[in-house]
Amino acid sequence: RVGPTGKAFGLDMTDEMLTLARANQAKTGLSNVKFVKGHIEDIPLPDESVDVIISNCVINLSGDKQRVFAEAFRVLRPGGRLAVSDIVLRRALPAELNRITALWTGCISGALTESDCLAALAAAGFDSADVEPTQIFDRSALEGLVADLPEDEIPPGIDVQAAIEGLDGVIRSATIRAVKPRG
């Protein structure tokens, strides 16, 4: 997609994923792709060195989301675009649900609210920030998530049906877009 003169960078913090990415690169024969080891809170690329940043469900796993957006802003050229897919909440989850490990590994706990996401992008310096839901987890989807949870994962005292009712429409997959201003 970057064309013969463009370059794509892949970033991961694990040797295993970098090995897999390089193996896939070898299968495709692409030479304008470079994989680097690092963290999204400290991207090992120079200032203003990329035009577009894409990501799929990674930001919610970071413990410092403001730093993630600041790093994205730093490495983007003026006019550069951020376009990521992630989980975004309509409102914060109840604290007792954040104790469920599967909600962390499922990228739900740790997700930003839409308003916090937009505020973090603005604080980093981005313009034209937008959060567009692509999938809204309704009652049926939430019941499916709960059905997949091991029973011992649900903390005692949680009324599962009340939690499902209260979260209907709160959890969303979304596309997050923003632009680094020119000059």
C-alpha atoms as a PDB file:
ATOM      1  CA  ARG A   1       0.000   0.000   0.000  1.00  0.00           C
ATOM      2  CA  VAL A   2       2.905   2.393   0.422  1.00  0.00           C
ATOM      3  CA  GLY A   3       4.041   1.828  -3.153  1.00  0.00           C
ATOM      4  CA  PRO A   4       7.527   0.941  -4.370  1.00  0.00           C
ATOM      5  CA  THR A   5       9.158   4.088  -2.937  1.00  0.00           C
ATOM      6  CA  GLY A   6       7.359   4.054   0.416  1.00  0.00           C
ATOM      7  CA  LYS A   7       8.369   2.247   3.562  1.00  0.00           C
ATOM      8  CA  ALA A   8       6.285   0.489   6.211  1.00  0.00           C
ATOM      9  CA  PHE A   9       7.409  -0.062   9.791  1.00  0.00           C
ATOM     10  CA  GLY A  10       6.062  -2.710  12.115  1.00  0.00           C
ATOM     11  CA  LEU A  11       6.522  -2.263  15.850  1.00  0.00           C
ATOM     12  CA  ASP A  12       6.248  -4.946  18.510  1.00  0.00           C
ATOM     13  CA  MET A  13       7.723  -5.481  21.952  1.00  0.00           C
ATOM     14  CA  THR A  14       8.159  -9.254  21.662  1.00  0.00           C
ATOM     15  CA  ASP A  15      10.787 -11.232  19.803  1.00  0.00           C
ATOM     16  CA  GLU A  16       8.202 -13.899  18.958  1.00  0.00           C
ATOM     17  CA  MET A  17       5.925 -11.509  17.052  1.00  0.00           C
ATOM     18  CA  LEU A  18       8.869  -9.883  15.295  1.00  0.00           C
ATOM     19  CA  THR A  19      10.108 -13.312  14.198  1.00  0.00           C
ATOM     20  CA  LEU A  20       6.651 -14.164  12.862  1.00  0.00           C
ATOM     21  CA  ALA A  21       6.401 -10.813  11.072  1.00  0.00           C
ATOM     22  CA  ARG A  22       9.797 -11.273   9.430  1.00  0.00           C
ATOM     23  CA  ALA A  23       8.849 -14.798   8.340  1.00  0.00           C
ATOM     24  CA  ASN A  24       5.676 -13.421   6.750  1.00  0.00           C
ATOM     25  CA  GLN A  25       7.716 -10.677   5.106  1.00  0.00           C
ATOM     26  CA  ALA A  26      10.043 -13.304   3.623  1.00  0.00           C
ATOM     27  CA  LYS A  27       7.038 -15.155   2.163  1.00  0.00           C
ATOM     28  CA  THR A  28       5.802 -11.986   0.442  1.00  0.00           C
ATOM     29  CA  GLY A  29       9.209 -10.867  -0.803  1.00  0.00           C
ATOM     30  CA  LEU A  30       8.541  -7.275   0.296  1.00  0.00           C
ATOM     31  CA  SER A  31      11.728  -5.308   0.853  1.00  0.00           C
ATOM     32  CA  ASN A  32      10.270  -1.958   1.900  1.00  0.00           C
ATOM     33  CA  VAL A  33       9.125  -3.192   5.320  1.00  0.00           C
ATOM     34  CA  LYS A  34      11.181  -2.892   8.497  1.00  0.00           C
ATOM     35  CA  PHE A  35      10.272  -4.391  11.858  1.00  0.00           C
ATOM     36  CA  VAL A  36      11.531  -2.790  15.045  1.00  0.00           C
ATOM     37  CA  LYS A  37      11.385  -3.868  18.646  1.00  0.00           C
ATOM     38  CA  GLY A  38       9.938  -1.373  21.058  1.00  0.00           C
ATOM     39  CA  HIS A  39       6.958  -0.111  23.000  1.00  0.00           C
ATOM     40  CA  ILE A  40       4.163   2.128  21.799  1.00  0.00           C
ATOM     41  CA  GLU A  41       4.921   4.479  24.692  1.00  0.00           C
ATOM     42  CA  ASP A  42       8.483   4.955  23.384  1.00  0.00           C
ATOM     43  CA  ILE A  43       8.530   4.431  19.608  1.00  0.00           C
ATOM     44  CA  PRO A  44      12.105   3.891  18.353  1.00  0.00           C
ATOM     45  CA  LEU A  45      11.700   6.143  15.301  1.00  0.00           C
ATOM     46  CA  PRO A  46      12.835   9.726  14.696  1.00  0.00           C
ATOM     47  CA  ASP A  47      10.591  12.756  15.148  1.00  0.00           C
ATOM     48  CA  GLU A  48       8.293  13.514  12.202  1.00  0.00           C
ATOM     49  CA  SER A  49       9.325  10.374  10.303  1.00  0.00           C
ATOM     50  CA  VAL A  50       6.014   8.720   9.353  1.00  0.00           C
ATOM     51  CA  ASP A  51       2.891   9.754   7.462  1.00  0.00           C
ATOM     52  CA  VAL A  52       0.321   7.336   8.893  1.00  0.00           C
ATOM     53  CA  ILE A  53       0.033   5.259  12.053  1.00  0.00           C
ATOM     54  CA  ILE A  54      -2.307   2.302  12.142  1.00  0.00           C
ATOM     55  CA  SER A  55      -2.912  -0.064  15.027  1.00  0.00           C
ATOM     56  CA  ASN A  56      -5.407  -2.753  15.930  1.00  0.00           C
ATOM     57  CA  CYS A  57      -6.496  -3.155  19.561  1.00  0.00           C
ATOM     58  CA  VAL A  58      -3.211  -2.299  21.256  1.00  0.00           C
ATOM     59  CA  ILE A  59      -3.680   1.104  22.888  1.00  0.00           C
ATOM     60  CA  ASN A  60      -6.136  -0.266  25.455  1.00  0.00           C
ATOM     61  CA  LEU A  61      -3.366  -2.564  26.740  1.00  0.00           C
ATOM     62  CA  SER A  62      -1.047   0.347  27.542  1.00  0.00           C
ATOM     63  CA  GLY A  63      -0.781   1.626  31.081  1.00  0.00           C
ATOM     64  CA  ASP A  64      -0.001   5.140  29.798  1.00  0.00           C
ATOM     65  CA  LYS A  65      -2.355   5.970  26.964  1.00  0.00           C
ATOM     66  CA  GLN A  66      -1.511   9.683  27.057  1.00  0.00           C
ATOM     67  CA  ARG A  67       2.117   8.769  26.390  1.00  0.00           C
ATOM     68  CA  VAL A  68       0.996   6.558  23.466  1.00  0.00           C
ATOM     69  CA  PHE A  69      -0.788   9.492  21.822  1.00  0.00           C
ATOM     70  CA  ALA A  70       2.136  11.838  22.561  1.00  0.00           C
ATOM     71  CA  GLU A  71       4.556   9.384  20.903  1.00  0.00           C
ATOM     72  CA  ALA A  72       2.275   8.986  17.897  1.00  0.00           C
ATOM     73  CA  PHE A  73       2.161  12.774  17.580  1.00  0.00           C
ATOM     74  CA  ARG A  74       5.956  12.994  17.869  1.00  0.00           C
ATOM     75  CA  VAL A  75       6.724  10.517  15.074  1.00  0.00           C
ATOM     76  CA  LEU A  76       4.043  11.779  12.673  1.00  0.00           C
ATOM     77  CA  ARG A  77       4.971  14.386  10.090  1.00  0.00           C
ATOM     78  CA  PRO A  78       2.832  17.535   9.999  1.00  0.00           C
ATOM     79  CA  GLY A  79      -0.402  16.542   8.287  1.00  0.00           C
ATOM     80  CA  GLY A  80       0.178  12.908   9.315  1.00  0.00           C
ATOM     81  CA  ARG A  81      -2.762  10.755  10.279  1.00  0.00           C
ATOM     82  CA  LEU A  82      -3.525   8.393  13.129  1.00  0.00           C
ATOM     83  CA  ALA A  83      -6.080   5.695  12.266  1.00  0.00           C
ATOM     84  CA  VAL A  84      -6.468   2.939  14.832  1.00  0.00           C
ATOM     85  CA  SER A  85      -9.038   0.361  15.762  1.00  0.00           C
ATOM     86  CA  ASP A  86      -9.574  -0.210  19.462  1.00  0.00           C
ATOM     87  CA  ILE A  87     -12.152  -0.739  22.174  1.00  0.00           C
ATOM     88  CA  VAL A  88     -13.703   2.522  23.369  1.00  0.00           C
ATOM     89  CA  LEU A  89     -16.282   2.775  26.139  1.00  0.00           C
ATOM     90  CA  ARG A  90     -19.315   5.039  26.189  1.00  0.00           C
ATOM     91  CA  ARG A  91     -18.704   5.403  29.946  1.00  0.00           C
ATOM     92  CA  ALA A  92     -16.325   3.857  32.463  1.00  0.00           C
ATOM     93  CA  LEU A  93     -16.828   0.283  33.588  1.00  0.00           C
ATOM     94  CA  PRO A  94     -17.917  -0.343  37.184  1.00  0.00           C
ATOM     95  CA  ALA A  95     -14.828  -0.880  39.372  1.00  0.00           C
ATOM     96  CA  GLU A  96     -15.818  -4.431  40.352  1.00  0.00           C
ATOM     97  CA  LEU A  97     -15.748  -5.507  36.698  1.00  0.00           C
ATOM     98  CA  ASN A  98     -12.166  -4.316  36.329  1.00  0.00           C
ATOM     99  CA  ARG A  99     -11.185  -7.173  38.670  1.00  0.00           C
ATOM    100  CA  ILE A 100     -12.120  -9.742  36.008  1.00  0.00           C
ATOM    101  CA  THR A 101      -8.903 -10.886  34.334  1.00  0.00           C
ATOM    102  CA  ALA A 102     -10.674 -11.966  31.140  1.00  0.00           C
ATOM    103  CA  LEU A 103     -11.917  -8.405  30.621  1.00  0.00           C
ATOM    104  CA  TRP A 104      -8.292  -7.239  30.662  1.00  0.00           C
ATOM    105  CA  THR A 105      -7.086  -9.960  28.319  1.00  0.00           C
ATOM    106  CA  GLY A 106     -10.158  -9.313  26.154  1.00  0.00           C
ATOM    107  CA  CYS A 107      -9.104  -5.637  25.855  1.00  0.00           C
ATOM    108  CA  ILE A 108     -12.258  -4.297  27.524  1.00  0.00           C
ATOM    109  CA  SER A 109     -10.899  -3.283  30.921  1.00  0.00           C
ATOM    110  CA  GLY A 110      -8.225  -0.735  30.214  1.00  0.00           C
ATOM    111  CA  ALA A 111     -10.147   0.819  27.331  1.00  0.00           C
ATOM    112  CA  LEU A 112     -10.646   4.573  27.331  1.00  0.00           C
ATOM    113  CA  THR A 113     -14.027   6.208  27.375  1.00  0.00           C
ATOM    114  CA  GLU A 114     -14.822   8.098  24.197  1.00  0.00           C
ATOM    115  CA  SER A 115     -14.542  11.450  25.984  1.00  0.00           C
ATOM    116  CA  ASP A 116     -11.200  10.498  27.600  1.00  0.00           C
ATOM    117  CA  CYS A 117      -9.893   9.299  24.227  1.00  0.00           C
ATOM    118  CA  LEU A 118     -10.804  12.569  22.515  1.00  0.00           C
ATOM    119  CA  ALA A 119      -9.345  14.576  25.412  1.00  0.00           C
ATOM    120  CA  ALA A 120      -6.086  12.579  25.285  1.00  0.00           C
ATOM    121  CA  LEU A 121      -5.769  13.130  21.534  1.00  0.00           C
ATOM    122  CA  ALA A 122      -6.366  16.873  21.965  1.00  0.00           C
ATOM    123  CA  ALA A 123      -3.846  17.031  24.835  1.00  0.00           C
ATOM    124  CA  ALA A 124      -1.256  15.370  22.589  1.00  0.00           C
ATOM    125  CA  GLY A 125      -1.849  18.088  19.979  1.00  0.00           C
ATOM    126  CA  PHE A 126      -4.038  16.289  17.431  1.00  0.00           C
ATOM    127  CA  ASP A 127      -6.770  17.970  15.392  1.00  0.00           C
ATOM    128  CA  SER A 128      -9.868  16.529  13.746  1.00  0.00           C
ATOM    129  CA  ALA A 129     -10.127  13.727  16.306  1.00  0.00           C
ATOM    130  CA  ASP A 130     -13.034  11.368  15.826  1.00  0.00           C
ATOM    131  CA  VAL A 131     -14.221   8.115  17.389  1.00  0.00           C
ATOM    132  CA  GLU A 132     -16.486   6.113  15.093  1.00  0.00           C
ATOM    133  CA  PRO A 133     -18.070   2.981  16.605  1.00  0.00           C
ATOM    134  CA  THR A 134     -17.803  -0.015  14.287  1.00  0.00           C
ATOM    135  CA  GLN A 135     -19.420  -2.587  16.580  1.00  0.00           C
ATOM    136  CA  ILE A 136     -21.539  -1.957  19.649  1.00  0.00           C
ATOM    137  CA  PHE A 137     -21.708  -4.766  22.180  1.00  0.00           C
ATOM    138  CA  ASP A 138     -25.399  -5.175  22.865  1.00  0.00           C
ATOM    139  CA  ARG A 139     -27.066  -7.487  25.370  1.00  0.00           C
ATOM    140  CA  SER A 140     -26.691 -10.524  23.094  1.00  0.00           C
ATOM    141  CA  ALA A 141     -22.973  -9.931  22.512  1.00  0.00           C
ATOM    142  CA  LEU A 142     -22.398  -9.387  26.237  1.00  0.00           C
ATOM    143  CA  GLU A 143     -24.219 -12.616  27.073  1.00  0.00           C
ATOM    144  CA  GLY A 144     -21.846 -14.376  24.666  1.00  0.00           C
ATOM    145  CA  LEU A 145     -18.833 -12.831  26.397  1.00  0.00           C
ATOM    146  CA  VAL A 146     -20.118 -13.921  29.806  1.00  0.00           C
ATOM    147  CA  ALA A 147     -20.792 -17.449  28.534  1.00  0.00           C
ATOM    148  CA  ASP A 148     -17.093 -17.702  27.614  1.00  0.00           C
ATOM    149  CA  LEU A 149     -15.876 -16.580  31.058  1.00  0.00           C
ATOM    150  CA  PRO A 150     -14.701 -19.274  33.463  1.00  0.00           C
ATOM    151  CA  GLU A 151     -17.045 -19.199  36.461  1.00  0.00           C
ATOM    152  CA  ASP A 152     -14.180 -18.672  38.890  1.00  0.00           C
ATOM    153  CA  GLU A 153     -13.295 -15.453  37.001  1.00  0.00           C
ATOM    154  CA  ILE A 154     -16.491 -13.725  38.118  1.00  0.00           C
ATOM    155  CA  PRO A 155     -15.918 -12.044  41.496  1.00  0.00           C
ATOM    156  CA  PRO A 156     -18.390 -13.036  44.222  1.00  0.00           C
ATOM    157  CA  GLY A 157     -21.322 -10.692  44.630  1.00  0.00           C
ATOM    158  CA  ILE A 158     -21.546  -9.548  41.018  1.00  0.00           C
ATOM    159  CA  ASP A 159     -25.055  -9.787  39.607  1.00  0.00           C
ATOM    160  CA  VAL A 160     -24.175 -10.903  36.086  1.00  0.00           C
ATOM    161  CA  GLN A 161     -27.573 -10.111  34.580  1.00  0.00           C
ATOM    162  CA  ALA A 162     -27.586  -6.620  36.126  1.00  0.00           C
ATOM    163  CA  ALA A 163     -24.048  -6.050  34.799  1.00  0.00           C
ATOM    164  CA  ILE A 164     -25.139  -7.109  31.307  1.00  0.00           C
ATOM    165  CA  GLU A 165     -28.155  -4.797  31.510  1.00  0.00           C
ATOM    166  CA  GLY A 166     -25.971  -1.894  32.676  1.00  0.00           C
ATOM    167  CA  LEU A 167     -23.362  -2.419  29.964  1.00  0.00           C
ATOM    168  CA  ASP A 168     -25.725  -2.822  27.010  1.00  0.00           C
ATOM    169  CA  GLY A 169     -24.217  -0.511  24.361  1.00  0.00           C
ATOM    170  CA  VAL A 170     -21.336   0.718  26.565  1.00  0.00           C
ATOM    171  CA  ILE A 171     -18.524  -1.389  25.066  1.00  0.00           C
ATOM    172  CA  ARG A 172     -17.666  -0.568  21.458  1.00  0.00           C
ATOM    173  CA  SER A 173     -15.106  -1.442  18.867  1.00  0.00           C
ATOM    174  CA  ALA A 174     -14.256   1.821  17.181  1.00  0.00           C
ATOM    175  CA  THR A 175     -12.061   3.497  14.625  1.00  0.00           C
ATOM    176  CA  ILE A 176     -10.121   6.364  16.173  1.00  0.00           C
ATOM    177  CA  ARG A 177      -8.834   9.002  13.757  1.00  0.00           C
ATOM    178  CA  ALA A 178      -6.851  12.171  14.261  1.00  0.00           C
ATOM    179  CA  VAL A 179      -4.531  14.453  12.297  1.00  0.00           C
ATOM    180  CA  LYS A 180      -1.298  16.172  13.292  1.00  0.00           C
ATOM    181  CA  PRO A 181      -1.692  19.831  12.302  1.00  0.00           C
ATOM    182  CA  ARG A 182       0.500  21.242   9.558  1.00  0.00           C
ATOM    183  CA  GLY A 183       3.003  23.826  10.749  1.00  0.00           C
END
